Amino acid sequence: IGGEQAKTKLDELKDWLRAHNAAVMVVLFVVFGVYLIANGLPSLT
């Protein structure tokens, strides 16, 4: 759909994600962990 311009942007995004994979995963796991803890705490009281 976007042609060569879209391919260029997607390649740049892929390269960025490869370079920052660990940081992205840390953020996702922290957000998921906070969500699970926040949903689990009310059931303890």
Foldseek 3Di string as FASTA:
>chain_A
DPPPVVVVVVVVVVVVCVVCVVVVVVVVVVVVVVVVCVVPVVVVD
